[in-house]
Structure formats: structure tokens, C-alpha cells
Amino acid sequence: MSKVPSAGKKKRKPNKPKQNLSAAYVEKVKPKGEAFEVSDTGARGLILLVHQSGAKSWIMRFRRPSGKHAKLTLGSYYMDGSPGVP
């Protein structure tokens, strides 16, 4: 018998890479052909977004009281040591 996928099930996306997001790792991570996310192994829900241009942003993934997933951009990562606020 062959398996027929359920009509209501979504295909799962491949897992995001997980890494201990230390200062050294965040500074050395390089952009790829498109923007990508790296999840932190130490802080659940913390994500580093690396843009094509090389800009980096911090994102917090959480679940709303209604149960729906959401993302909140916390701010940019500046490699020059500035606090991330213009």
C-alpha cells in the first residue's frame, strides 16, 4: 500500500541551523546568497538574521496568547561596538 499524504498537513521546512550565538560567532558569520536565520542553542526563541548585505538583526520568536507564532525584531547588530540605537 502506498501512503497518501493528508490534505490538511503542511510540509515541514528544514530545520534552521542552531549555534551558540557567542560574540565571536556573530562577528565571523558571513552572508550567503540569500538572508538566513541561525537559532541560538542557549536562549530558546532567540534568532540571528543575517541579510544578503551582511547586516545582522536580532529576532525573538514567541507564541501569542492565541497560540499563533510571531516574531519580534529586537534590533540590529553593529560590529563597531555601538549599542545598536542610531
Protein backbone atom coordinates (compact mmCIF):
# COMPACT_ATOMS: atom_id res chain seq x y z
CA MET A 1 0.00 0.00 0.00
CA SER A 2 1.25 3.44 -0.83
CA LYS A 3 0.90 6.29 1.63
CA VAL A 4 -1.24 9.21 0.54
CA PRO A 5 -0.40 12.48 2.30
CA SER A 6 -3.20 14.09 4.27
CA ALA A 7 -4.81 17.05 2.57
CA GLY A 8 -4.56 19.31 5.65
CA LYS A 9 -0.91 18.69 6.57
CA LYS A 10 1.75 21.22 5.64
CA LYS A 11 5.24 20.23 4.56
CA ARG A 12 7.77 21.00 7.25
CA LYS A 13 10.60 23.35 6.40
CA PRO A 14 14.12 22.07 7.00
CA ASN A 15 15.43 22.96 10.45
CA LYS A 16 17.29 26.22 10.86
CA PRO A 17 20.93 25.84 11.80
CA LYS A 18 21.48 26.06 15.55
CA GLN A 19 24.57 27.56 17.11
CA ASN A 20 25.76 29.01 20.39
CA LEU A 21 25.47 32.68 19.39
CA SER A 22 28.59 33.96 21.11
CA ALA A 23 30.02 37.37 20.24
CA ALA A 24 32.86 35.69 18.33
CA TYR A 25 30.47 33.59 16.21
CA VAL A 26 28.17 36.54 15.45
CA GLU A 27 31.12 38.66 14.29
CA LYS A 28 32.53 35.99 11.98
CA VAL A 29 29.32 34.66 10.36
CA LYS A 30 29.26 35.64 6.67
CA PRO A 31 26.26 36.37 4.40
CA LYS A 32 25.22 33.78 1.83
CA GLY A 33 23.27 34.11 -1.43
CA GLU A 34 20.10 34.98 0.49
CA ALA A 35 19.11 36.01 4.01
CA PHE A 36 19.19 33.22 6.59
CA GLU A 37 18.42 32.69 10.26
CA VAL A 38 20.51 30.99 12.94
CA SER A 39 18.81 29.89 16.16
CA ASP A 40 20.62 30.13 19.50
CA THR A 41 21.11 26.90 21.42
CA GLY A 42 21.29 28.68 24.78
CA ALA A 43 18.30 31.04 24.61
CA ARG A 44 15.13 29.49 23.23
CA GLY A 45 13.46 31.74 20.67
CA LEU A 46 16.49 33.97 20.04
CA ILE A 47 17.43 34.15 16.35
CA LEU A 48 20.19 35.97 14.45
CA LEU A 49 19.05 37.08 10.98
CA VAL A 50 21.94 37.57 8.52
CA HIS A 51 20.95 39.61 5.47
CA GLN A 52 22.50 39.37 1.98
CA SER A 53 24.20 42.70 2.53
CA GLY A 54 25.94 41.42 5.67
CA ALA A 55 23.70 43.35 8.08
CA LYS A 56 22.64 41.34 11.13
CA SER A 57 19.49 41.63 13.24
CA TRP A 58 18.27 40.01 16.44
CA ILE A 59 14.80 38.44 16.37
CA MET A 60 12.71 36.91 19.17
CA ARG A 61 10.30 34.15 18.19
CA PHE A 62 7.37 33.61 20.54
CA ARG A 63 3.81 32.37 20.71
CA ARG A 64 0.92 34.78 21.23
CA PRO A 65 -1.76 34.03 23.86
CA SER A 66 -4.00 32.91 20.98
CA GLY A 67 -1.40 30.22 20.16
CA LYS A 68 -0.22 31.80 16.90
CA HIS A 69 3.55 32.04 16.28
CA ALA A 70 5.04 35.52 15.94
CA LYS A 71 8.45 37.20 15.53
CA LEU A 72 9.64 40.47 17.03
CA THR A 73 12.73 42.28 15.73
CA LEU A 74 14.78 43.39 18.72
CA GLY A 75 17.36 45.45 16.85
CA SER A 76 20.43 45.48 14.68
CA TYR A 77 23.86 44.09 15.48
CA TYR A 78 26.60 46.66 14.88
CA MET A 79 30.13 45.32 14.56
CA ASP A 80 31.71 48.65 15.53
CA GLY A 81 30.68 48.27 19.19
CA SER A 82 27.91 50.88 19.13
CA PRO A 83 24.80 49.94 21.13
CA GLY A 84 22.51 49.40 18.14
CA VAL A 85 20.50 52.59 18.57
CA PRO A 86 21.00 55.36 15.99
